[in-house]
Amino acid sequence: MGTKLLPLAARVDADGFAVASATHITNQRLTCVAVKIGDDKVEVRDTKDPSKTTFCFDHPEWAAFISGVKDGEFDV
């Protein structure tokens, strides 16, 4: 079925996370993450349950991830 990208949301939650900046629909399921870019790390978490694990990346790791996304390295 593929992925349908939705418009970007311009909302920041109380913890400083940009919400819905990576929203997409995959296999009829809405998936949404929140991203917070800090001075020394980038944090990513699930918006449906922010109490779950927050993944942390340093800036070179995040840049490599973004580059991979842009280059089509991931099957999304």
Protein backbone atom coordinates (compact mmCIF):
# COMPACT_ATOMS: atom_id res chain seq x y z
CA MET A 1 0.00 0.00 0.00
CA GLY A 2 2.87 2.40 0.65
CA THR A 3 3.03 5.48 2.77
CA LYS A 4 0.95 8.63 2.56
CA LEU A 5 2.61 11.67 4.06
CA LEU A 6 0.37 14.12 5.85
CA PRO A 7 0.93 17.87 6.19
CA LEU A 8 3.38 18.92 8.86
CA ALA A 9 1.95 20.10 12.15
CA ALA A 10 3.28 23.26 13.72
CA ARG A 11 2.68 22.30 17.34
CA VAL A 12 5.17 21.99 20.18
CA ASP A 13 4.10 20.15 23.32
CA ALA A 14 4.78 21.14 26.93
CA ASP A 15 8.08 19.21 26.93
CA GLY A 16 9.38 21.03 23.85
CA PHE A 17 8.79 18.21 21.36
CA ALA A 18 7.63 19.08 17.83
CA VAL A 19 4.53 16.94 17.45
CA ALA A 20 3.44 15.22 14.22
CA SER A 21 6.49 16.32 12.27
CA ALA A 22 6.87 12.76 10.97
CA THR A 23 3.26 11.71 10.64
CA HIS A 24 2.37 9.15 8.00
CA ILE A 25 -0.19 6.46 7.32
CA THR A 26 1.15 2.95 6.82
CA ASN A 27 -1.14 -0.04 6.26
CA GLN A 28 -4.21 1.93 7.41
CA ARG A 29 -2.55 2.94 10.69
CA LEU A 30 -1.65 6.48 11.69
CA THR A 31 1.89 6.68 13.00
CA CYS A 32 3.12 9.84 14.66
CA VAL A 33 6.36 10.71 16.41
CA ALA A 34 7.55 13.78 18.24
CA VAL A 35 11.07 15.14 17.85
CA LYS A 36 13.02 17.47 20.14
CA ILE A 37 16.33 18.82 18.89
CA GLY A 38 18.57 20.02 21.70
CA ASP A 39 22.09 21.38 21.88
CA ASP A 40 23.71 17.97 22.45
CA LYS A 41 21.08 15.42 21.40
CA VAL A 42 17.95 14.70 19.37
CA GLU A 43 15.11 12.93 21.19
CA VAL A 44 12.33 10.98 19.45
CA ARG A 45 9.20 9.52 21.06
CA ASP A 46 5.78 8.12 20.22
CA THR A 47 3.09 10.78 20.54
CA LYS A 48 0.41 8.25 21.46
CA ASP A 49 2.32 7.21 24.60
CA PRO A 50 5.02 9.71 25.61
CA SER A 51 5.71 7.69 28.78
CA LYS A 52 7.33 4.96 26.65
CA THR A 53 11.03 4.97 25.82
CA THR A 54 12.41 8.15 24.31
CA PHE A 55 15.17 7.41 21.81
CA CYS A 56 18.21 9.70 21.93
CA PHE A 57 20.68 10.36 19.13
CA ASP A 58 23.69 12.63 18.87
CA HIS A 59 23.66 15.14 16.02
CA PRO A 60 25.90 13.10 13.64
CA GLU A 61 23.63 10.04 14.14
CA TRP A 62 20.52 12.13 13.46
CA ALA A 63 22.10 13.71 10.37
CA ALA A 64 22.97 10.23 9.06
CA PHE A 65 19.38 9.09 9.66
CA ILE A 66 17.90 12.11 7.86
CA SER A 67 20.33 11.59 4.98
CA GLY A 68 19.29 7.94 4.75
CA VAL A 69 15.62 8.90 4.68
CA LYS A 70 16.22 11.42 1.91
CA ASP A 71 18.26 8.85 -0.04
CA GLY A 72 15.51 6.22 0.22
CA GLU A 73 17.49 3.80 2.38
CA PHE A 74 14.43 2.85 4.45
CA ASP A 75 11.29 1.05 3.37
CA VAL A 76 8.62 3.37 4.75
